[in-house]
N, C-alpha and C. Protein backbone atom coordinates (compact mmCIF):
# COMPACT_ATOMS: atom_id res chain seq x y z
N MET A 1 0.81 -1.03 -0.08
CA MET A 1 -0.12 0.19 -0.25
C MET A 1 0.94 0.91 -0.07
N LYS A 2 1.42 1.41 0.64
CA LYS A 2 2.94 2.81 0.94
C LYS A 2 3.98 2.77 -0.26
N LEU A 3 3.85 1.46 -0.94
CA LEU A 3 4.55 1.40 -2.60
C LEU A 3 3.72 1.98 -3.49
N GLY A 4 2.53 1.58 -3.59
CA GLY A 4 1.37 2.43 -4.06
C GLY A 4 1.28 4.06 -4.13
N LEU A 5 1.22 4.49 -2.77
CA LEU A 5 1.39 5.79 -2.33
C LEU A 5 2.25 6.67 -2.82
N LEU A 6 3.56 5.78 -2.90
CA LEU A 6 4.85 6.23 -3.10
C LEU A 6 5.12 6.46 -4.63
N VAL A 7 4.34 5.55 -5.39
CA VAL A 7 4.63 5.88 -6.75
C VAL A 7 3.27 6.47 -7.45
N ALA A 8 2.20 6.57 -7.25
CA ALA A 8 1.47 7.59 -7.29
C ALA A 8 1.89 9.46 -7.35
N GLY A 9 2.83 9.43 -5.85
CA GLY A 9 2.91 10.30 -5.19
C GLY A 9 3.98 11.27 -6.52
N LEU A 10 4.67 10.18 -6.91
CA LEU A 10 5.82 10.27 -7.48
C LEU A 10 5.64 10.50 -8.94
N ALA A 11 4.79 9.65 -9.49
CA ALA A 11 3.96 9.95 -11.04
C ALA A 11 3.19 11.49 -11.17
N PHE A 12 2.34 11.90 -9.81
CA PHE A 12 1.73 12.85 -9.78
C PHE A 12 2.78 14.08 -9.78
N SER A 13 3.74 13.87 -9.02
CA SER A 13 4.66 15.44 -9.17
C SER A 13 5.73 15.57 -9.98
N VAL A 14 5.64 14.59 -10.88
CA VAL A 14 6.95 13.93 -12.21
C VAL A 14 6.07 14.59 -12.74
N SER A 15 4.25 14.53 -13.28
CA SER A 15 3.76 14.89 -14.74
C SER A 15 2.95 16.57 -14.27
N VAL A 16 3.00 16.64 -13.34
CA VAL A 16 2.49 18.02 -12.78
C VAL A 16 3.39 19.14 -13.19
N PHE A 17 5.11 18.90 -12.86
CA PHE A 17 6.03 19.69 -12.50
C PHE A 17 7.52 19.60 -14.26
N ALA A 18 6.93 18.52 -14.71
CA ALA A 18 7.80 18.28 -15.94
C ALA A 18 8.33 18.80 -16.61
N ASN A 19 7.58 20.11 -17.30
CA ASN A 19 8.32 20.97 -18.07
C ASN A 19 8.81 21.90 -17.50
N GLU A 20 9.05 22.11 -16.38
CA GLU A 20 9.89 23.38 -15.96
C GLU A 20 11.01 23.27 -15.46
N PRO A 21 11.93 23.78 -16.40
CA PRO A 21 13.16 24.01 -16.62
C PRO A 21 14.11 23.95 -14.80
N LYS A 22 14.89 23.27 -14.44
CA LYS A 22 15.71 23.62 -13.13
C LYS A 22 16.11 24.61 -12.94
N GLU A 23 16.45 25.84 -13.37
CA GLU A 23 16.64 26.77 -13.02
C GLU A 23 15.90 27.48 -12.66
N ASN A 24 14.51 27.30 -13.00
CA ASN A 24 12.97 28.00 -12.36
C ASN A 24 12.95 27.11 -10.79
N VAL A 25 13.92 26.77 -10.03
CA VAL A 25 13.02 26.04 -8.89
C VAL A 25 12.46 26.64 -8.19
N GLN A 26 13.22 27.52 -7.56
CA GLN A 26 12.34 28.48 -6.62
C GLN A 26 11.11 29.51 -7.14
N LYS A 27 11.36 29.11 -8.34
CA LYS A 27 9.77 30.08 -8.95
C LYS A 27 8.65 29.63 -9.43
N TRP A 28 8.15 27.79 -9.04
CA TRP A 28 7.26 27.33 -8.92
C TRP A 28 6.30 28.06 -8.69
N ASN A 29 5.54 28.42 -9.80
CA ASN A 29 4.18 28.98 -9.81
C ASN A 29 2.88 28.38 -9.32
N GLY A 30 2.97 26.74 -8.35
CA GLY A 30 1.92 26.67 -8.17
C GLY A 30 0.88 26.21 -8.64
N SER A 31 1.63 25.71 -10.15
CA SER A 31 0.42 25.38 -10.64
C SER A 31 0.39 23.53 -10.14
N ILE A 32 -1.24 22.97 -10.36
CA ILE A 32 -1.41 21.77 -9.65
C ILE A 32 -2.11 21.27 -10.99
N ASN A 33 -2.01 19.82 -11.63
CA ASN A 33 -3.23 19.34 -12.27
C ASN A 33 -4.03 18.84 -11.65
N LYS A 34 -5.06 19.48 -11.29
CA LYS A 34 -6.52 19.30 -10.86
C LYS A 34 -6.87 17.76 -10.86
N GLU A 35 -7.04 17.45 -11.84
CA GLU A 35 -7.73 16.57 -12.17
C GLU A 35 -7.08 15.39 -12.16
N GLN A 36 -5.51 15.55 -11.93
CA GLN A 36 -4.60 13.79 -11.37
C GLN A 36 -4.73 13.97 -10.17
N LEU A 37 -4.89 14.92 -9.43
CA LEU A 37 -5.35 15.24 -7.81
C LEU A 37 -6.34 14.87 -7.33
N SER A 38 -7.55 15.08 -8.21
CA SER A 38 -9.10 14.53 -7.92
C SER A 38 -8.51 13.23 -7.83
N LYS A 39 -8.13 12.63 -8.51
CA LYS A 39 -8.25 11.07 -8.73
C LYS A 39 -7.61 10.36 -7.81
N TYR A 40 -6.57 11.47 -7.67
CA TYR A 40 -5.28 10.43 -6.66
C TYR A 40 -5.75 10.60 -5.21
N LEU A 41 -6.41 11.57 -4.59
CA LEU A 41 -7.32 11.86 -3.63
C LEU A 41 -8.85 11.28 -3.18
N LYS A 42 -8.88 10.48 -4.84
CA LYS A 42 -10.52 10.26 -4.49
C LYS A 42 -11.90 11.05 -4.14
N LEU A 43 -11.55 12.44 -4.77
CA LEU A 43 -11.96 13.49 -3.91
C LEU A 43 -13.66 13.10 -4.64
N THR A 44 -14.87 13.38 -3.54
CA THR A 44 -16.47 13.88 -4.63
C THR A 44 -16.39 15.25 -5.29
N ASN A 45 -17.56 15.16 -5.74
CA ASN A 45 -17.67 16.07 -6.69
C ASN A 45 -17.50 17.48 -6.21
N ASN A 46 -18.00 17.26 -5.07
CA ASN A 46 -18.35 19.11 -3.97
C ASN A 46 -16.84 19.33 -3.81
N GLN A 47 -16.13 17.95 -3.46
CA GLN A 47 -14.68 18.49 -2.81
C GLN A 47 -13.80 19.04 -4.19
N HIS A 48 -14.15 18.09 -5.53
CA HIS A 48 -13.57 18.48 -6.23
C HIS A 48 -13.50 19.87 -6.53
N LYS A 49 -15.10 20.65 -6.40
CA LYS A 49 -15.37 21.77 -7.37
C LYS A 49 -14.31 22.73 -5.73
N GLU A 50 -14.59 22.43 -4.24
CA GLU A 50 -13.36 23.22 -3.46
C GLU A 50 -11.95 23.11 -3.99
N VAL A 51 -11.39 22.16 -3.91
CA VAL A 51 -9.85 21.76 -4.17
C VAL A 51 -9.76 22.75 -5.25
N SER A 52 -10.08 22.45 -6.52
CA SER A 52 -9.92 23.32 -7.79
C SER A 52 -9.98 24.84 -7.70
N ALA A 53 -10.60 24.95 -6.62
CA ALA A 53 -10.77 27.19 -6.41
C ALA A 53 -9.28 26.92 -5.50
N ILE A 54 -9.19 26.22 -4.08
CA ILE A 54 -8.06 26.52 -3.68
C ILE A 54 -7.02 26.23 -4.37
N CYS A 55 -6.71 25.31 -4.99
CA CYS A 55 -5.61 25.18 -6.06
C CYS A 55 -5.33 26.31 -7.05
N ASP A 56 -6.74 26.71 -7.71
CA ASP A 56 -6.23 28.35 -8.43
C ASP A 56 -6.02 29.58 -8.00
N TYR A 57 -6.61 29.51 -6.30
CA TYR A 57 -6.30 30.88 -5.72
C TYR A 57 -4.74 30.41 -4.88
N PHE A 58 -4.05 29.21 -4.75
CA PHE A 58 -2.66 28.66 -4.45
C PHE A 58 -1.94 29.12 -5.85
N GLU A 59 -2.22 29.25 -6.82
CA GLU A 59 -1.53 29.54 -8.15
C GLU A 59 -0.98 30.75 -7.91
N ILE A 60 -2.54 31.47 -8.10
CA ILE A 60 -2.28 33.07 -7.64
C ILE A 60 -1.60 33.67 -6.74
N GLN A 61 -1.22 33.12 -5.67
CA GLN A 61 -0.73 33.72 -4.38
C GLN A 61 0.69 33.21 -4.27
N MET A 62 1.14 32.08 -5.13
CA MET A 62 2.72 31.68 -5.76
C MET A 62 3.06 32.87 -6.23
N ASN A 63 2.29 32.89 -7.63
CA ASN A 63 2.69 34.12 -8.69
C ASN A 63 3.07 35.56 -8.06
N LEU A 64 2.03 35.89 -7.43
CA LEU A 64 2.41 37.27 -6.56
C LEU A 64 3.44 36.82 -5.75
N ALA A 65 3.76 35.67 -4.75
CA ALA A 65 4.99 35.85 -4.18
C ALA A 65 6.11 35.86 -5.14
N ASN A 66 6.29 35.30 -6.22
CA ASN A 66 7.40 35.11 -6.88
C ASN A 66 7.64 36.75 -7.57
N LYS A 67 6.60 37.36 -7.56
CA LYS A 67 7.29 38.41 -8.16
C LYS A 67 7.62 39.37 -7.53
N SER A 68 7.01 39.25 -6.25
CA SER A 68 7.67 40.21 -5.24
C SER A 68 8.94 40.35 -5.07
N LYS A 69 9.48 41.71 -4.46
CA LYS A 69 11.09 41.77 -4.58
C LYS A 69 11.22 41.31 -2.83
N GLU A 70 10.53 42.00 -2.07
CA GLU A 70 10.55 41.48 -0.70
C GLU A 70 9.82 40.50 -0.29
N ASN A 71 10.83 39.94 1.16
CA ASN A 71 10.44 39.00 1.63
C ASN A 71 9.63 37.66 0.97
N ASN A 72 10.36 37.47 -0.51
CA ASN A 72 9.52 36.60 -1.39
C ASN A 72 9.65 35.14 -0.81
N ASN A 73 10.37 34.81 0.20
CA ASN A 73 10.62 33.51 1.06
C ASN A 73 9.44 33.27 1.88
N ASP A 74 9.15 34.32 2.55
CA ASP A 74 7.94 34.47 3.42
C ASP A 74 6.83 34.16 2.93
N GLN A 75 6.58 35.11 1.90
CA GLN A 75 5.19 34.87 0.87
C GLN A 75 5.24 33.32 0.11
N VAL A 76 6.08 33.19 0.01
CA VAL A 76 5.86 31.94 -0.49
C VAL A 76 5.91 31.16 0.39
N ARG A 77 5.89 30.37 1.90
CA ARG A 77 5.51 30.07 2.94
C ARG A 77 4.19 30.38 3.03
N LYS A 78 3.87 31.45 2.99
CA LYS A 78 2.42 31.72 3.70
C LYS A 78 1.30 31.11 2.99
N ALA A 79 1.90 31.39 1.07
CA ALA A 79 0.75 31.08 0.58
C ALA A 79 0.94 29.23 0.68
N ILE A 80 2.04 28.36 0.85
CA ILE A 80 1.80 26.99 1.11
C ILE A 80 0.86 26.83 2.41
N TYR A 81 1.62 27.45 3.19
CA TYR A 81 0.63 27.11 5.01
C TYR A 81 -1.13 27.59 4.68
N SER A 82 -1.24 28.79 3.87
CA SER A 82 -2.17 28.86 3.25
C SER A 82 -3.17 27.87 2.91
N ASN A 83 -2.42 27.24 1.67
CA ASN A 83 -3.16 26.63 0.97
C ASN A 83 -3.05 24.85 1.29
N LEU A 84 -2.71 24.85 2.08
CA LEU A 84 -2.27 23.60 3.48
C LEU A 84 -3.75 23.65 4.66
N ASN A 85 -3.75 24.84 4.70
CA ASN A 85 -5.19 25.16 5.82
C ASN A 85 -6.60 25.13 5.00
N LEU A 86 -6.69 26.01 4.15
CA LEU A 86 -7.64 25.42 2.84
C LEU A 86 -7.95 24.17 2.70
N MET A 87 -6.96 23.06 2.52
CA MET A 87 -7.11 21.69 2.30
C MET A 87 -7.64 21.01 3.30
N LYS A 88 -6.98 21.40 4.44
CA LYS A 88 -7.31 20.35 5.63
C LYS A 88 -9.21 20.42 6.22
N LYS A 89 -9.23 21.67 5.50
CA LYS A 89 -10.80 22.22 6.32
C LYS A 89 -12.00 21.28 5.16
N THR A 90 -11.32 21.23 3.84
CA THR A 90 -11.97 20.80 2.88
C THR A 90 -12.01 19.09 2.38
N LEU A 91 -10.35 18.50 2.98
CA LEU A 91 -10.61 16.47 2.62
C LEU A 91 -10.28 16.01 4.19
N ASP A 92 -10.89 15.01 4.03
CA ASP A 92 -11.02 14.35 4.95
C ASP A 92 -9.39 14.08 6.35
N ASN A 93 -9.50 13.33 6.76
CA ASN A 93 -7.88 12.94 7.21
C ASN A 93 -7.16 12.50 6.80
N LYS A 94 -7.34 11.21 5.85
CA LYS A 94 -6.64 10.54 5.05
C LYS A 94 -6.54 11.40 3.84
N GLN A 95 -7.03 12.07 3.13
CA GLN A 95 -6.87 12.95 2.00
C GLN A 95 -5.96 13.73 2.08
N PHE A 96 -5.87 14.21 3.16
CA PHE A 96 -5.40 15.60 3.88
C PHE A 96 -3.80 14.88 4.05
N SER A 97 -3.77 13.87 4.55
CA SER A 97 -2.30 13.37 5.02
C SER A 97 -1.57 12.38 3.77
N ASP A 98 -2.46 12.05 2.88
CA ASP A 98 -1.76 11.91 1.54
C ASP A 98 -1.42 13.36 0.57
N TYR A 99 -2.45 14.54 1.24
CA TYR A 99 -2.17 15.55 -0.22
C TYR A 99 -0.72 16.48 0.69
N GLU A 100 -0.84 16.20 1.92
CA GLU A 100 0.49 16.95 3.07
C GLU A 100 1.59 16.24 2.26
N LYS A 101 1.85 14.92 2.08
CA LYS A 101 3.02 14.28 1.81
C LYS A 101 3.26 14.39 0.48
N LEU A 102 2.33 14.69 -0.60
CA LEU A 102 2.75 14.72 -2.07
C LEU A 102 3.01 16.01 -2.20
N MET A 103 2.27 17.29 -1.20
CA MET A 103 3.17 18.62 -0.91
C MET A 103 4.54 18.48 -0.93
N SER A 104 4.73 18.04 0.32
CA SER A 104 5.91 17.96 0.74
C SER A 104 6.85 17.23 -0.64
N MET A 105 6.72 16.06 -0.58
CA MET A 105 7.70 15.65 -2.02
C MET A 105 7.80 16.97 -2.94
N THR A 106 6.46 17.12 -3.42
CA THR A 106 6.82 18.59 -4.31
C THR A 106 7.32 19.49 -4.20
N LEU A 107 7.20 20.09 -2.87
CA LEU A 107 8.12 21.05 -2.60
C LEU A 107 9.46 21.02 -2.58
N ARG A 108 10.20 19.54 -1.68
CA ARG A 108 11.57 19.19 -2.03
C ARG A 108 11.75 18.84 -3.14
N ASN A 109 11.40 18.63 -4.35
CA ASN A 109 11.54 18.19 -5.45
C ASN A 109 11.69 19.34 -6.33
N LYS A 110 11.16 20.69 -6.14
CA LYS A 110 11.02 22.21 -6.25
C LYS A 110 12.49 22.88 -5.90
N GLY A 111 12.99 22.03 -4.77
CA GLY A 111 13.94 22.70 -4.01
C GLY A 111 13.27 24.15 -3.09
N ILE A 112 11.98 23.61 -2.76
CA ILE A 112 11.86 25.19 -1.60
C ILE A 112 11.68 24.28 -0.36
N ASP A 113 12.55 25.03 0.43
CA ASP A 113 12.54 25.11 2.11
C ASP A 113 11.46 26.03 2.77
N ILE A 114 10.42 25.71 3.20
CA ILE A 114 9.55 26.62 4.26
C ILE A 114 9.97 27.00 5.42
N GLU A 115 10.99 26.17 5.75
CA GLU A 115 11.68 26.24 7.31
C GLU A 115 12.31 27.73 7.60
N LYS A 116 11.60 28.19 8.35
CA LYS A 116 12.32 29.87 8.67
C LYS A 116 13.50 29.63 8.55
N LYS A 117 14.21 30.63 8.77
CA LYS A 117 15.46 30.60 8.74
C LYS A 117 15.92 32.04 9.93
């Protein structure tokens, strides 16, 4: 079961972000393939609509953070934590746990460190 989760997570992460060049590691725009995420988390129709809106909002926030000349890392961190907070309210415990693992893996793959320095 864990192997299946890992494989699905890797497939999601790779397919969502494969087109971005390595030099833009810190400039991830927050784009998420909502259809794949919906299938991976087995979302209900209502959840899919809410998660889709959350993903759109997250992408807007990440784009704003990346364009900012001041406190870029803080703004990226806030966008990520805001996304996680909204997802926690929308998903059940199992779905959120899977989403959190997926987000963590994606951030690591993108070279984004959300720990305060």
